[in-house]
Amino acid sequence: MCVMTMRASLSRLASLDEPRPRERIPWVELSCLPCGEVAGYIEDRRVVRSVYQGGIRLERGRPCCGRCGGLLLSGNRGVATSRNGIG
């Protein structure tokens, strides 16, 4: 029994020494159809971030442009390893 616990603790130590893989953040740009403004980004399919304060408004549960109230469409897509790499 003591040997099993020792092996388990050694395997945990070995896994701590391995470098962690970089976090990958998929993102989609949200652009306004009428005015062409980049209003914000959707990160990781669930987090909506506007480029500037008030850049995205919700009307009836749908995202709209904070500048003109127009429809937001998906634009460029990509994968970043940090929030600074989005866009």
C-alpha atoms as a PDB file:
ATOM      1  CA  MET A   1       0.000   0.000   0.000  1.00  0.00           C
ATOM      2  CA  CYS A   2       2.860   2.366   0.802  1.00  0.00           C
ATOM      3  CA  VAL A   3       4.391   1.672  -2.621  1.00  0.00           C
ATOM      4  CA  MET A   4       1.152   2.674  -4.385  1.00  0.00           C
ATOM      5  CA  THR A   5       0.996   6.007  -2.553  1.00  0.00           C
ATOM      6  CA  MET A   6       4.616   6.704  -3.344  1.00  0.00           C
ATOM      7  CA  ARG A   7       4.058   6.011  -7.059  1.00  0.00           C
ATOM      8  CA  ALA A   8       0.993   8.224  -7.121  1.00  0.00           C
ATOM      9  CA  SER A   9       2.846  11.110  -5.496  1.00  0.00           C
ATOM     10  CA  LEU A  10       5.786  10.705  -7.896  1.00  0.00           C
ATOM     11  CA  SER A  11       3.479  10.773 -10.909  1.00  0.00           C
ATOM     12  CA  ARG A  12       1.855  13.970  -9.580  1.00  0.00           C
ATOM     13  CA  LEU A  13       5.281  15.588  -9.204  1.00  0.00           C
ATOM     14  CA  ALA A  14       6.221  14.584 -12.740  1.00  0.00           C
ATOM     15  CA  SER A  15       3.056  16.161 -14.114  1.00  0.00           C
ATOM     16  CA  LEU A  16       3.842  19.436 -12.279  1.00  0.00           C
ATOM     17  CA  ASP A  17       7.235  19.675 -13.996  1.00  0.00           C
ATOM     18  CA  GLU A  18       5.741  19.439 -17.510  1.00  0.00           C
ATOM     19  CA  PRO A  19       5.131  22.781 -19.206  1.00  0.00           C
ATOM     20  CA  ARG A  20       1.467  23.661 -19.491  1.00  0.00           C
ATOM     21  CA  PRO A  21       0.102  24.120 -23.001  1.00  0.00           C
ATOM     22  CA  ARG A  22      -0.684  27.706 -23.962  1.00  0.00           C
ATOM     23  CA  GLU A  23      -4.269  28.738 -23.600  1.00  0.00           C
ATOM     24  CA  ARG A  24      -6.031  29.090 -26.947  1.00  0.00           C
ATOM     25  CA  ILE A  25      -8.816  31.670 -27.162  1.00  0.00           C
ATOM     26  CA  PRO A  26     -11.001  31.494 -30.279  1.00  0.00           C
ATOM     27  CA  TRP A  27     -12.481  34.906 -31.171  1.00  0.00           C
ATOM     28  CA  VAL A  28     -14.930  36.422 -33.669  1.00  0.00           C
ATOM     29  CA  GLU A  29     -15.082  40.106 -34.589  1.00  0.00           C
ATOM     30  CA  LEU A  30     -18.474  41.875 -34.446  1.00  0.00           C
ATOM     31  CA  SER A  31     -18.863  44.536 -37.157  1.00  0.00           C
ATOM     32  CA  CYS A  32     -21.794  46.872 -37.804  1.00  0.00           C
ATOM     33  CA  LEU A  33     -23.506  46.376 -41.166  1.00  0.00           C
ATOM     34  CA  PRO A  34     -24.618  50.030 -41.808  1.00  0.00           C
ATOM     35  CA  CYS A  35     -21.646  52.021 -40.447  1.00  0.00           C
ATOM     36  CA  GLY A  36     -18.808  49.458 -40.667  1.00  0.00           C
ATOM     37  CA  GLU A  37     -17.691  50.062 -37.080  1.00  0.00           C
ATOM     38  CA  VAL A  38     -15.911  47.193 -35.283  1.00  0.00           C
ATOM     39  CA  ALA A  39     -18.072  47.119 -32.170  1.00  0.00           C
ATOM     40  CA  GLY A  40     -16.419  44.281 -30.277  1.00  0.00           C
ATOM     41  CA  TYR A  41     -15.433  40.629 -30.110  1.00  0.00           C
ATOM     42  CA  ILE A  42     -16.883  37.333 -28.953  1.00  0.00           C
ATOM     43  CA  GLU A  43     -14.234  35.392 -27.045  1.00  0.00           C
ATOM     44  CA  ASP A  44     -14.388  31.673 -26.444  1.00  0.00           C
ATOM     45  CA  ARG A  45     -17.987  31.476 -27.797  1.00  0.00           C
ATOM     46  CA  ARG A  46     -19.437  33.007 -24.632  1.00  0.00           C
ATOM     47  CA  VAL A  47     -17.787  36.303 -23.613  1.00  0.00           C
ATOM     48  CA  VAL A  48     -18.793  39.469 -25.503  1.00  0.00           C
ATOM     49  CA  ARG A  49     -16.370  42.383 -25.160  1.00  0.00           C
ATOM     50  CA  SER A  50     -16.896  45.766 -26.741  1.00  0.00           C
ATOM     51  CA  VAL A  51     -13.978  47.695 -28.219  1.00  0.00           C
ATOM     52  CA  TYR A  52     -15.042  50.879 -26.430  1.00  0.00           C
ATOM     53  CA  GLN A  53     -17.538  51.589 -23.658  1.00  0.00           C
ATOM     54  CA  GLY A  54     -21.075  51.423 -25.055  1.00  0.00           C
ATOM     55  CA  GLY A  55     -19.886  49.862 -28.332  1.00  0.00           C
ATOM     56  CA  ILE A  56     -22.418  47.028 -28.091  1.00  0.00           C
ATOM     57  CA  ARG A  57     -26.020  47.391 -26.935  1.00  0.00           C
ATOM     58  CA  LEU A  58     -28.543  44.632 -26.384  1.00  0.00           C
ATOM     59  CA  GLU A  59     -31.981  45.213 -27.890  1.00  0.00           C
ATOM     60  CA  ARG A  60     -34.489  42.384 -27.449  1.00  0.00           C
ATOM     61  CA  GLY A  61     -31.613  40.054 -26.607  1.00  0.00           C
ATOM     62  CA  ARG A  62     -29.695  40.811 -29.811  1.00  0.00           C
ATOM     63  CA  PRO A  63     -26.402  42.699 -29.992  1.00  0.00           C
ATOM     64  CA  CYS A  64     -26.605  46.038 -31.822  1.00  0.00           C
ATOM     65  CA  CYS A  65     -24.064  48.733 -32.673  1.00  0.00           C
ATOM     66  CA  GLY A  66     -23.694  51.302 -29.901  1.00  0.00           C
ATOM     67  CA  ARG A  67     -22.941  54.013 -32.458  1.00  0.00           C
ATOM     68  CA  CYS A  68     -25.868  53.729 -34.895  1.00  0.00           C
ATOM     69  CA  GLY A  69     -28.041  50.893 -33.541  1.00  0.00           C
ATOM     70  CA  GLY A  70     -27.405  48.764 -36.631  1.00  0.00           C
ATOM     71  CA  LEU A  71     -27.169  45.006 -36.937  1.00  0.00           C
ATOM     72  CA  LEU A  72     -23.868  43.394 -35.892  1.00  0.00           C
ATOM     73  CA  LEU A  73     -22.444  40.682 -38.123  1.00  0.00           C
ATOM     74  CA  SER A  74     -19.524  38.336 -37.582  1.00  0.00           C
ATOM     75  CA  GLY A  75     -16.330  39.428 -39.274  1.00  0.00           C
ATOM     76  CA  ASN A  76     -12.781  38.172 -38.956  1.00  0.00           C
ATOM     77  CA  ARG A  77     -12.064  35.075 -36.888  1.00  0.00           C
ATOM     78  CA  GLY A  78      -8.960  33.744 -35.263  1.00  0.00           C
ATOM     79  CA  VAL A  79      -7.299  32.046 -32.334  1.00  0.00           C
ATOM     80  CA  ALA A  80      -5.141  33.934 -29.847  1.00  0.00           C
ATOM     81  CA  THR A  81      -2.931  32.816 -26.969  1.00  0.00           C
ATOM     82  CA  SER A  82      -3.765  35.893 -24.854  1.00  0.00           C
ATOM     83  CA  ARG A  83      -6.393  38.640 -24.716  1.00  0.00           C
ATOM     84  CA  ASN A  84      -3.854  41.075 -26.204  1.00  0.00           C
ATOM     85  CA  GLY A  85      -3.639  38.932 -29.353  1.00  0.00           C
ATOM     86  CA  ILE A  86      -7.337  39.241 -30.167  1.00  0.00           C
ATOM     87  CA  GLY A  87      -8.208  41.333 -33.180  1.00  0.00           C
END
